[in-house]
Amino acid sequence: MGAASASLVADDRNLSVGVGSQALALSYAESESQQLFLGPRVHLSAAHRYFRIVGTVYQTVDQTDATLRVDGFSLDIHTGVNLDSQGWTAYVGVGQFQETWLVDYQPELEAVAYYVSAGGGYHFKRGSLEAEWQMRGNPYGGLDTPPDAYMAASVSLSARF
């Protein structure tokens, strides 16, 4: 019994570092349009059984105006199944993000807000593939034309340790 439980513990991977792609979508009901930002993301996470903390940095560019960029950082707390073991995983969570909008590399607007998230994927022995969706609070209500909804989605590949 002791040897079997020791081998199960040895298969858990509590830390991961990964890279992926981030998408930010702001929807405007008045004009029935959407503003889409795409770019890379890097994250670091620590998990223990049913809980995980994830820190992410991202840099996205507007798909219709390349001079407009959103750089950000987010911190998530997830609860779910199989967050530190090999196999299928699923989770829900809450988090906070901080973003800076840049026009021609000059800071124009800073924002902080909360979000709820859901995601899942598969953990291999030393890596994982995951997707996540976030419904974000709207910190841009003070703009001349504020968005009605703010969502984010990401796909990541990670090394597990």
C-alpha atoms as a PDB file:
ATOM      1  CA  MET A   1       0.000   0.000   0.000  1.00  0.00           C
ATOM      2  CA  GLY A   2       2.783   2.471   0.862  1.00  0.00           C
ATOM      3  CA  ALA A   3       4.639   1.885  -2.424  1.00  0.00           C
ATOM      4  CA  ALA A   4       1.446   2.275  -4.470  1.00  0.00           C
ATOM      5  CA  SER A   5       0.490   5.583  -2.855  1.00  0.00           C
ATOM      6  CA  ALA A   6       4.064   6.863  -3.236  1.00  0.00           C
ATOM      7  CA  SER A   7       3.959   6.192  -6.972  1.00  0.00           C
ATOM      8  CA  LEU A   8       0.605   8.020  -7.302  1.00  0.00           C
ATOM      9  CA  VAL A   9       1.992  11.089  -5.546  1.00  0.00           C
ATOM     10  CA  ALA A  10       5.070  11.045  -7.784  1.00  0.00           C
ATOM     11  CA  ASP A  11       2.820  11.386 -10.884  1.00  0.00           C
ATOM     12  CA  ASP A  12       1.229  14.642  -9.674  1.00  0.00           C
ATOM     13  CA  ARG A  13       2.651  17.740 -11.351  1.00  0.00           C
ATOM     14  CA  ASN A  14       1.920  20.829  -9.260  1.00  0.00           C
ATOM     15  CA  LEU A  15       3.712  23.525 -11.284  1.00  0.00           C
ATOM     16  CA  SER A  16       3.379  24.450 -14.932  1.00  0.00           C
ATOM     17  CA  VAL A  17       4.657  27.113 -17.296  1.00  0.00           C
ATOM     18  CA  GLY A  18       3.144  27.605 -20.695  1.00  0.00           C
ATOM     19  CA  VAL A  19       2.632  29.698 -23.800  1.00  0.00           C
ATOM     20  CA  GLY A  20      -0.422  30.194 -25.908  1.00  0.00           C
ATOM     21  CA  SER A  21      -2.713  32.515 -27.783  1.00  0.00           C
ATOM     22  CA  GLN A  22      -5.059  35.097 -26.223  1.00  0.00           C
ATOM     23  CA  ALA A  23      -8.177  36.624 -27.821  1.00  0.00           C
ATOM     24  CA  LEU A  24     -10.080  39.596 -26.409  1.00  0.00           C
ATOM     25  CA  ALA A  25     -13.500  40.503 -27.831  1.00  0.00           C
ATOM     26  CA  LEU A  26     -15.445  43.676 -27.042  1.00  0.00           C
ATOM     27  CA  SER A  27     -19.028  43.756 -28.333  1.00  0.00           C
ATOM     28  CA  TYR A  28     -20.955  46.945 -29.128  1.00  0.00           C
ATOM     29  CA  ALA A  29     -24.752  46.508 -29.350  1.00  0.00           C
ATOM     30  CA  GLU A  30     -25.449  49.989 -30.790  1.00  0.00           C
ATOM     31  CA  SER A  31     -23.359  49.441 -33.899  1.00  0.00           C
ATOM     32  CA  GLU A  32     -23.699  45.631 -33.856  1.00  0.00           C
ATOM     33  CA  SER A  33     -19.922  45.392 -34.160  1.00  0.00           C
ATOM     34  CA  GLN A  34     -17.109  43.681 -32.336  1.00  0.00           C
ATOM     35  CA  GLN A  35     -13.522  44.683 -31.645  1.00  0.00           C
ATOM     36  CA  LEU A  36     -11.106  41.725 -31.680  1.00  0.00           C
ATOM     37  CA  PHE A  37      -7.587  41.617 -30.248  1.00  0.00           C
ATOM     38  CA  LEU A  38      -5.240  38.634 -30.731  1.00  0.00           C
ATOM     39  CA  GLY A  39      -1.766  37.896 -29.398  1.00  0.00           C
ATOM     40  CA  PRO A  40       0.559  35.714 -27.342  1.00  0.00           C
ATOM     41  CA  ARG A  41       0.284  34.850 -23.669  1.00  0.00           C
ATOM     42  CA  VAL A  42       2.640  33.302 -21.096  1.00  0.00           C
ATOM     43  CA  HIS A  43       1.421  31.785 -17.832  1.00  0.00           C
ATOM     44  CA  LEU A  44       2.708  30.184 -14.644  1.00  0.00           C
ATOM     45  CA  SER A  45       0.501  28.075 -12.377  1.00  0.00           C
ATOM     46  CA  ALA A  46       0.593  26.125  -9.141  1.00  0.00           C
ATOM     47  CA  ALA A  47      -2.024  23.451  -8.400  1.00  0.00           C
ATOM     48  CA  HIS A  48      -2.962  21.155  -5.554  1.00  0.00           C
ATOM     49  CA  ARG A  49      -5.730  18.616  -6.165  1.00  0.00           C
ATOM     50  CA  TYR A  50      -8.875  20.712  -6.623  1.00  0.00           C
ATOM     51  CA  PHE A  51      -7.367  24.232  -6.573  1.00  0.00           C
ATOM     52  CA  ARG A  52      -5.007  26.194  -8.818  1.00  0.00           C
ATOM     53  CA  ILE A  53      -3.578  29.722  -8.973  1.00  0.00           C
ATOM     54  CA  VAL A  54      -2.578  31.052 -12.406  1.00  0.00           C
ATOM     55  CA  GLY A  55      -0.716  34.235 -13.333  1.00  0.00           C
ATOM     56  CA  THR A  56      -0.754  35.308 -16.993  1.00  0.00           C
ATOM     57  CA  VAL A  57       0.781  38.115 -19.033  1.00  0.00           C
ATOM     58  CA  TYR A  58      -0.489  38.852 -22.532  1.00  0.00           C
ATOM     59  CA  GLN A  59       0.015  41.305 -25.387  1.00  0.00           C
ATOM     60  CA  THR A  60      -2.726  41.596 -27.999  1.00  0.00           C
ATOM     61  CA  VAL A  61      -3.168  43.695 -31.148  1.00  0.00           C
ATOM     62  CA  ASP A  62      -6.441  45.000 -32.642  1.00  0.00           C
ATOM     63  CA  GLN A  63      -7.220  43.064 -35.833  1.00  0.00           C
ATOM     64  CA  THR A  64      -8.467  46.161 -37.721  1.00  0.00           C
ATOM     65  CA  ASP A  65      -6.024  48.794 -36.395  1.00  0.00           C
ATOM     66  CA  ALA A  66      -2.460  47.551 -35.819  1.00  0.00           C
ATOM     67  CA  THR A  67      -1.551  50.751 -33.926  1.00  0.00           C
ATOM     68  CA  LEU A  68      -3.920  49.757 -31.075  1.00  0.00           C
ATOM     69  CA  ARG A  69      -2.602  47.229 -28.559  1.00  0.00           C
ATOM     70  CA  VAL A  70      -3.757  45.855 -25.205  1.00  0.00           C
ATOM     71  CA  ASP A  71      -1.095  44.628 -22.763  1.00  0.00           C
ATOM     72  CA  GLY A  72      -2.303  42.900 -19.634  1.00  0.00           C
ATOM     73  CA  PHE A  73      -1.790  40.741 -16.580  1.00  0.00           C
ATOM     74  CA  SER A  74      -4.330  38.452 -14.930  1.00  0.00           C
ATOM     75  CA  LEU A  75      -4.444  36.399 -11.757  1.00  0.00           C
ATOM     76  CA  ASP A  76      -6.918  33.473 -11.510  1.00  0.00           C
ATOM     77  CA  ILE A  77      -8.075  31.102  -8.805  1.00  0.00           C
ATOM     78  CA  HIS A  78      -9.571  27.875 -10.198  1.00  0.00           C
ATOM     79  CA  THR A  79     -11.408  24.976  -8.628  1.00  0.00           C
ATOM     80  CA  GLY A  80     -12.073  21.825 -10.576  1.00  0.00           C
ATOM     81  CA  VAL A  81     -11.181  18.210 -11.153  1.00  0.00           C
ATOM     82  CA  ASN A  82      -7.800  16.677 -11.893  1.00  0.00           C
ATOM     83  CA  LEU A  83      -5.888  19.977 -11.752  1.00  0.00           C
ATOM     84  CA  ASP A  84      -2.542  18.381 -10.830  1.00  0.00           C
ATOM     85  CA  SER A  85      -2.786  14.842 -12.289  1.00  0.00           C
ATOM     86  CA  GLN A  86      -2.547  13.229 -15.694  1.00  0.00           C
ATOM     87  CA  GLY A  87      -5.824  12.972 -17.620  1.00  0.00           C
ATOM     88  CA  TRP A  88      -8.796  15.160 -18.509  1.00  0.00           C
ATOM     89  CA  THR A  89      -9.303  18.322 -16.448  1.00  0.00           C
ATOM     90  CA  ALA A  90     -12.127  20.844 -16.071  1.00  0.00           C
ATOM     91  CA  TYR A  91     -12.445  23.930 -13.897  1.00  0.00           C
ATOM     92  CA  VAL A  92     -14.270  27.147 -13.093  1.00  0.00           C
ATOM     93  CA  GLY A  93     -12.722  30.187 -11.524  1.00  0.00           C
ATOM     94  CA  VAL A  94     -12.594  33.872 -10.767  1.00  0.00           C
ATOM     95  CA  GLY A  95      -9.854  36.357 -11.438  1.00  0.00           C
ATOM     96  CA  GLN A  96      -8.771  39.933 -11.795  1.00  0.00           C
ATOM     97  CA  PHE A  97      -7.092  41.566 -14.773  1.00  0.00           C
ATOM     98  CA  GLN A  98      -5.198  44.790 -15.278  1.00  0.00           C
ATOM     99  CA  GLU A  99      -4.797  46.163 -18.803  1.00  0.00           C
ATOM    100  CA  THR A 100      -3.108  49.053 -20.557  1.00  0.00           C
ATOM    101  CA  TRP A 101      -4.360  50.192 -23.960  1.00  0.00           C
ATOM    102  CA  LEU A 102      -1.575  51.612 -26.112  1.00  0.00           C
ATOM    103  CA  VAL A 103      -1.886  53.684 -29.301  1.00  0.00           C
ATOM    104  CA  ASP A 104       1.353  53.867 -31.294  1.00  0.00           C
ATOM    105  CA  TYR A 105       3.126  52.368 -28.227  1.00  0.00           C
ATOM    106  CA  GLN A 106       1.950  55.234 -25.967  1.00  0.00           C
ATOM    107  CA  PRO A 107      -0.274  54.363 -22.949  1.00  0.00           C
ATOM    108  CA  GLU A 108      -3.784  55.754 -23.447  1.00  0.00           C
ATOM    109  CA  LEU A 109      -6.020  53.936 -20.964  1.00  0.00           C
ATOM    110  CA  GLU A 110      -5.597  51.680 -17.934  1.00  0.00           C
ATOM    111  CA  ALA A 111      -8.278  49.416 -16.519  1.00  0.00           C
ATOM    112  CA  VAL A 112      -8.784  46.868 -13.736  1.00  0.00           C
ATOM    113  CA  ALA A 113     -11.774  44.520 -13.417  1.00  0.00           C
ATOM    114  CA  TYR A 114     -12.861  41.019 -12.363  1.00  0.00           C
ATOM    115  CA  TYR A 115     -14.027  38.034 -14.393  1.00  0.00           C
ATOM    116  CA  VAL A 116     -15.411  34.517 -14.154  1.00  0.00           C
ATOM    117  CA  SER A 117     -13.841  31.708 -16.161  1.00  0.00           C
ATOM    118  CA  ALA A 118     -14.366  28.121 -17.258  1.00  0.00           C
ATOM    119  CA  GLY A 119     -11.957  25.816 -18.988  1.00  0.00           C
ATOM    120  CA  GLY A 120     -10.613  22.374 -19.527  1.00  0.00           C
ATOM    121  CA  GLY A 121      -8.099  20.266 -21.331  1.00  0.00           C
ATOM    122  CA  TYR A 122      -5.850  17.277 -21.042  1.00  0.00           C
ATOM    123  CA  HIS A 123      -2.756  16.846 -18.846  1.00  0.00           C
ATOM    124  CA  PHE A 124      -0.121  14.543 -20.280  1.00  0.00           C
ATOM    125  CA  LYS A 125       2.689  13.251 -18.082  1.00  0.00           C
ATOM    126  CA  ARG A 126       4.948  16.278 -18.650  1.00  0.00           C
ATOM    127  CA  GLY A 127       2.740  18.678 -20.614  1.00  0.00           C
ATOM    128  CA  SER A 128      -0.819  19.864 -21.051  1.00  0.00           C
ATOM    129  CA  LEU A 129      -3.153  21.413 -23.583  1.00  0.00           C
ATOM    130  CA  GLU A 130      -5.935  23.647 -22.229  1.00  0.00           C
ATOM    131  CA  ALA A 131      -8.588  26.109 -23.399  1.00  0.00           C
ATOM    132  CA  GLU A 132     -10.259  28.760 -21.252  1.00  0.00           C
ATOM    133  CA  TRP A 133     -13.147  31.200 -21.680  1.00  0.00           C
ATOM    134  CA  GLN A 134     -13.663  34.327 -19.541  1.00  0.00           C
ATOM    135  CA  MET A 135     -16.651  36.636 -19.149  1.00  0.00           C
ATOM    136  CA  ARG A 136     -15.042  39.861 -18.011  1.00  0.00           C
ATOM    137  CA  GLY A 137     -16.385  42.779 -16.047  1.00  0.00           C
ATOM    138  CA  ASN A 138     -16.514  45.905 -18.195  1.00  0.00           C
ATOM    139  CA  PRO A 139     -14.046  48.535 -16.947  1.00  0.00           C
ATOM    140  CA  TYR A 140     -14.568  50.678 -20.079  1.00  0.00           C
ATOM    141  CA  GLY A 141     -17.982  52.160 -19.244  1.00  0.00           C
ATOM    142  CA  GLY A 142     -16.563  55.705 -19.200  1.00  0.00           C
ATOM    143  CA  LEU A 143     -15.582  55.666 -22.889  1.00  0.00           C
ATOM    144  CA  ASP A 144     -17.526  57.687 -25.470  1.00  0.00           C
ATOM    145  CA  THR A 145     -18.793  54.395 -26.928  1.00  0.00           C
ATOM    146  CA  PRO A 146     -18.461  51.778 -24.168  1.00  0.00           C
ATOM    147  CA  PRO A 147     -18.640  48.074 -25.051  1.00  0.00           C
ATOM    148  CA  ASP A 148     -21.687  46.111 -23.890  1.00  0.00           C
ATOM    149  CA  ALA A 149     -19.783  42.862 -23.285  1.00  0.00           C
ATOM    150  CA  TYR A 150     -16.133  41.912 -22.807  1.00  0.00           C
ATOM    151  CA  MET A 151     -14.950  38.318 -23.246  1.00  0.00           C
ATOM    152  CA  ALA A 152     -11.612  36.569 -23.504  1.00  0.00           C
ATOM    153  CA  ALA A 153     -10.555  33.142 -24.702  1.00  0.00           C
ATOM    154  CA  SER A 154      -7.221  31.358 -24.783  1.00  0.00           C
ATOM    155  CA  VAL A 155      -5.507  28.145 -25.809  1.00  0.00           C
ATOM    156  CA  SER A 156      -2.242  27.107 -24.114  1.00  0.00           C
ATOM    157  CA  LEU A 157       0.461  24.465 -24.193  1.00  0.00           C
ATOM    158  CA  SER A 158       2.303  23.936 -20.888  1.00  0.00           C
ATOM    159  CA  ALA A 159       5.228  22.022 -19.445  1.00  0.00           C
ATOM    160  CA  ARG A 160       4.357  20.383 -16.121  1.00  0.00           C
ATOM    161  CA  PHE A 161       6.794  19.918 -13.230  1.00  0.00           C
END
